[in-house]
Amino acid sequence: MTVHTPATAVRQAAKADHQVVLDVLTEAFMHDPLVRWFFPDPGPRGLLQRHFHRPLLTHPAAEVHLTGDNEGAAIWLALSAGQEPHAEEPESASVYGESGPRLAALGEALAVRHPVEPHLYLPCMGVIGGRQGAGLGSALLRHRLERADADGLATYLEAGSPRSRALYLRHGFQDLGEPVRVADSPLVQPMWRQPRP
């Protein structure tokens, strides 16, 4: 299904598009403060990001969307009551090396805030550096939120920066409690959006 906005088309990504999605998300978050906190060494940062995002692509509840120009990507999870958003991968913890404890600590702090009722979850959405601020993120949001509204489905996400929080506020999200911080991490703001009639 393709939805046209004045400047941007959004399409559901096929399995063959997964490498493109990983490329977009890796580039989009390469200099993001939260990703830099997770993975301080810029050398392996891209590889570690790909390892982090790959299981989301294969999650049983995953819906993956790309802008028509492949400059923006979003991974959504349509979660049923109590369904886990992140698969347990104990064997992969060693891949993250020194970053593993940071990922685990923030993941645990956010897990207790994650809603348990059925909802749509946006674990990641990104736009490549040269196109940020051009409306691609809004197009990706509108594309899926319109259907969530039609289905009466609430939406949850965690904003990792003031800029992303501002974008989500413009699309009807509200802060869900106080921001989360682990040690010296950037603030992460859980957000919730009720479906619109």
Protein backbone atom coordinates (compact mmCIF):
# COMPACT_ATOMS: atom_id res chain seq x y z
CA MET A 1 0.00 0.00 0.00
CA THR A 2 1.33 3.46 -0.89
CA VAL A 3 0.07 6.69 0.64
CA HIS A 4 0.84 9.94 -1.16
CA THR A 5 1.47 13.18 0.69
CA PRO A 6 2.22 16.46 -1.06
CA ALA A 7 5.93 15.60 -1.36
CA THR A 8 6.46 12.08 -0.03
CA ALA A 9 5.16 8.60 -0.76
CA VAL A 10 5.46 5.90 1.90
CA ARG A 11 5.39 2.19 1.14
CA GLN A 12 5.50 -1.00 3.13
CA ALA A 13 8.97 -2.49 2.83
CA ALA A 14 9.46 -6.05 1.64
CA LYS A 15 11.99 -8.47 3.08
CA ALA A 16 14.23 -7.60 0.11
CA ASP A 17 14.29 -4.00 1.40
CA HIS A 18 15.66 -4.89 4.84
CA GLN A 19 19.24 -4.00 3.92
CA VAL A 20 18.06 -0.57 2.71
CA VAL A 21 16.17 -0.08 5.98
CA LEU A 22 19.30 -0.96 7.98
CA ASP A 23 21.35 1.45 5.86
CA VAL A 24 18.88 4.30 6.42
CA LEU A 25 18.60 3.74 10.18
CA THR A 26 22.36 3.36 10.59
CA GLU A 27 23.07 6.62 8.77
CA ALA A 28 20.20 8.44 10.47
CA PHE A 29 21.44 7.63 13.97
CA MET A 30 25.21 7.60 13.47
CA HIS A 31 25.63 10.91 15.35
CA ASP A 32 22.54 10.70 17.56
CA PRO A 33 23.41 11.46 21.22
CA LEU A 34 21.69 8.34 22.56
CA VAL A 35 23.35 6.05 20.00
CA ARG A 36 26.69 7.71 20.76
CA TRP A 37 26.08 7.01 24.45
CA PHE A 38 25.30 3.36 23.69
CA PHE A 39 28.22 2.96 21.28
CA PRO A 40 30.89 5.58 22.07
CA ASP A 41 33.51 4.20 19.66
CA PRO A 42 32.59 5.47 16.16
CA GLY A 43 34.50 2.61 14.48
CA PRO A 44 32.09 -0.25 15.24
CA ARG A 45 29.03 2.00 15.83
CA GLY A 46 27.41 1.25 12.47
CA LEU A 47 27.85 -2.50 12.82
CA LEU A 48 26.46 -2.46 16.37
CA GLN A 49 23.47 -0.40 15.26
CA ARG A 50 22.71 -2.95 12.55
CA HIS A 51 22.93 -5.74 15.09
CA PHE A 52 20.51 -3.84 17.33
CA HIS A 53 17.96 -3.10 14.59
CA ARG A 54 18.04 -6.44 12.75
CA PRO A 55 15.87 -8.39 15.27
CA LEU A 56 13.20 -5.69 15.04
CA LEU A 57 12.88 -6.37 11.31
CA THR A 58 12.10 -10.02 11.96
CA HIS A 59 9.87 -9.52 15.01
CA PRO A 60 6.58 -11.38 14.44
CA ALA A 61 4.63 -8.12 14.90
CA ALA A 62 6.89 -5.97 12.68
CA GLU A 63 5.67 -3.61 9.99
CA VAL A 64 8.46 -1.87 8.10
CA HIS A 65 7.95 1.27 6.02
CA LEU A 66 10.19 3.25 3.69
CA THR A 67 9.74 6.59 2.02
CA GLY A 68 9.56 6.26 -1.76
CA ASP A 69 13.04 7.72 -2.14
CA ASN A 70 14.51 5.33 0.49
CA GLU A 71 15.64 8.29 2.62
CA GLY A 72 13.43 7.53 5.63
CA ALA A 73 12.48 4.29 7.40
CA ALA A 74 10.29 3.22 10.30
CA ILE A 75 9.82 -0.08 12.10
CA TRP A 76 6.48 -0.47 13.86
CA LEU A 77 5.36 -3.33 16.11
CA ALA A 78 1.63 -4.02 16.47
CA LEU A 79 1.75 -5.60 19.93
CA SER A 80 -1.00 -7.61 21.57
CA ALA A 81 -1.61 -7.44 25.32
CA GLY A 82 1.60 -8.27 27.19
CA GLN A 83 3.57 -9.11 24.02
CA GLU A 84 7.29 -8.40 24.39
CA PRO A 85 8.66 -5.73 22.07
CA HIS A 86 12.21 -7.06 22.12
CA ALA A 87 13.15 -10.68 21.63
CA GLU A 88 15.38 -12.30 24.21
CA GLU A 89 18.81 -12.79 22.67
CA PRO A 90 21.14 -13.78 25.51
CA GLU A 91 23.66 -15.26 23.08
CA SER A 92 24.03 -11.87 21.36
CA ALA A 93 24.82 -9.85 24.49
CA SER A 94 28.56 -10.40 24.03
CA VAL A 95 28.40 -8.80 20.57
CA TYR A 96 27.94 -5.40 22.23
CA GLY A 97 31.05 -5.69 24.39
CA GLU A 98 31.38 -2.76 26.80
CA SER A 99 28.13 -1.29 25.46
CA GLY A 100 26.12 -4.32 26.63
CA PRO A 101 25.59 -3.10 30.21
CA ARG A 102 24.44 0.34 29.00
CA LEU A 103 21.94 -1.22 26.58
CA ALA A 104 20.69 -3.60 29.27
CA ALA A 105 20.34 -0.90 31.94
CA LEU A 106 18.36 1.48 29.76
CA GLY A 107 16.31 -1.38 28.34
CA GLU A 108 15.35 -2.50 31.85
CA ALA A 109 14.46 1.05 32.91
CA LEU A 110 12.24 1.50 29.85
CA ALA A 111 10.66 -1.98 30.06
CA VAL A 112 8.86 -1.13 33.30
CA ARG A 113 7.31 1.90 31.60
CA HIS A 114 6.19 0.05 28.46
CA PRO A 115 2.38 -0.33 28.30
CA VAL A 116 0.93 -3.83 28.58
CA GLU A 117 -2.38 -3.26 26.74
CA PRO A 118 -2.55 -3.80 22.96
CA HIS A 119 -0.86 -0.93 21.13
CA LEU A 120 1.28 0.09 18.20
CA TYR A 121 4.93 0.59 19.16
CA LEU A 122 7.45 2.63 17.21
CA PRO A 123 10.89 1.39 18.35
CA CYS A 124 12.75 3.29 15.63
CA MET A 125 12.22 5.77 12.84
CA GLY A 126 15.00 7.63 11.07
CA VAL A 127 15.75 9.90 8.15
CA ILE A 128 19.18 10.19 6.53
CA GLY A 129 21.19 13.23 7.60
CA GLY A 130 20.80 15.46 4.55
CA ARG A 131 17.00 15.04 4.53
CA GLN A 132 16.17 15.52 8.21
CA GLY A 133 13.66 18.32 8.69
CA ALA A 134 12.20 17.86 5.17
CA GLY A 135 8.93 16.24 6.32
CA LEU A 136 9.88 12.61 5.76
CA GLY A 137 9.45 11.71 9.44
CA SER A 138 6.01 13.33 9.44
CA ALA A 139 5.06 11.37 6.32
CA LEU A 140 6.14 8.10 7.94
CA LEU A 141 4.15 8.93 11.07
CA ARG A 142 1.00 9.98 9.21
CA HIS A 143 1.13 6.87 7.05
CA ARG A 144 0.80 4.47 10.00
CA LEU A 145 -1.05 6.65 12.52
CA GLU A 146 -4.00 7.10 10.15
CA ARG A 147 -4.53 3.35 10.16
CA ALA A 148 -3.99 3.15 13.94
CA ASP A 149 -6.71 5.77 14.36
CA ALA A 150 -9.06 3.85 12.07
CA ASP A 151 -8.38 0.69 14.09
CA GLY A 152 -8.80 2.49 17.44
CA LEU A 153 -5.23 1.54 18.40
CA ALA A 154 -3.11 3.63 20.79
CA THR A 155 0.57 4.19 20.00
CA TYR A 156 3.68 4.19 22.20
CA LEU A 157 7.28 5.27 21.59
CA GLU A 158 10.35 6.58 23.38
CA ALA A 159 11.74 9.90 22.16
CA GLY A 160 15.53 9.97 22.42
CA SER A 161 16.04 13.68 21.74
CA PRO A 162 14.25 17.01 22.21
CA ARG A 163 13.92 17.31 18.42
CA SER A 164 12.20 13.94 18.05
CA ARG A 165 9.98 14.68 21.06
CA ALA A 166 8.85 17.92 19.40
CA LEU A 167 7.98 16.01 16.21
CA TYR A 168 5.95 13.46 18.13
CA LEU A 169 4.12 16.16 20.10
CA ARG A 170 3.03 17.70 16.78
CA HIS A 171 1.51 14.33 15.83
CA GLY A 172 -0.59 13.97 18.96
CA PHE A 173 1.74 12.14 21.34
CA GLN A 174 1.93 13.17 24.98
CA ASP A 175 4.61 12.54 27.59
CA LEU A 176 3.96 9.34 29.53
CA GLY A 177 5.42 10.20 32.92
CA GLU A 178 8.85 11.59 33.55
CA PRO A 179 11.81 11.05 31.23
CA VAL A 180 14.09 8.07 31.86
CA ARG A 181 17.83 8.43 32.42
CA VAL A 182 20.37 5.77 33.32
CA ALA A 183 23.71 6.99 34.70
CA ASP A 184 24.90 9.73 32.32
CA SER A 185 22.64 8.78 29.40
CA PRO A 186 20.64 11.37 27.50
CA LEU A 187 17.03 11.68 28.64
CA VAL A 188 14.59 9.30 26.97
CA GLN A 189 10.94 10.35 27.04
CA PRO A 190 8.22 7.65 26.92
CA MET A 191 5.25 8.97 24.93
CA TRP A 192 1.69 7.80 24.33
CA ARG A 193 -0.91 8.70 21.73
CA GLN A 194 -4.58 7.86 22.00
CA PRO A 195 -6.30 7.07 18.70
CA ARG A 196 -8.12 9.98 17.13
CA PRO A 197 -11.76 9.58 16.13
